[in-house]
């Protein structure tokens, strides 16, 4: 009973924060889900070798509702270029499928290191100053496709919607920040759907999973967090449209840094 209660309380808090971040940063919520899930699963399933895989699979499933609501809101706000969104979605799905197939052959320890390294790289790129006067709406299709495939592949390995990769990469191309956030919400929806389905399939016969899991997806977390993420994602989108882009960029980097430090402590001192 205590076990289940702790799970429920943790999932409720996680859903609220994750949903808001999905809308505010275009992160899909996964950036917060992973460190919380890996810690929770490890506490109650200390010998499980698939805890990180379960955290990633569950995070991918939970990305769907928050990212979908955020994407719909961004469409209404006019922040999404439909031509770019179609190409980005197609290519990001391709990368996500490859990543979902390969992840079963990668250890939990390596996945945690990958997650931490990408956080640090994202911080450096986000803080990199670009010339706002040179912002451009049109992007080279070949470069965009390559970025999308790379984003889909890495997003699945990290269990995130791709915002942590999409926003910094598009910033390097001088793509407007708000449009980058909007595009990451669209990509996050695609990554979540295809990634989670494949994670359920690849983890179907795993025997060392945390309680309440179907394949590499924890169904209790999904049921508890989805309603809250649907409520808080639109609030995050609304808040992001009323904040200075420079401040939003600094807040984004601060969130990534805090989580990176936590993951580094887990990897090197746990």
Foldseek 3Di string as FASTA:
>chain_A
DVLVVVVLVLLQVLLQVLLLCCQQLVWLSLLSQQVSQLVSQCVQQVPFFCSNLLSLLALLQSSQLSLVLNLVVCVVVVLEDVVLLVLLQVLLLLLQLVLLVCLVVDTSLVLLVLLLVLLVVLLVLLPDDDDLVPADADDDSVVSSVQSSVQSNSCSSNSILSSSSQQSVVVVVNHDNSSSSSSSSSSSNSSSVSNNVSQLVVQQPPDSGGPCDRRSHRVVSNVSNSVSSNVNSVVSNVVNVVDDPVVSSVVSSVSSVVSSVVSVCVSPPD
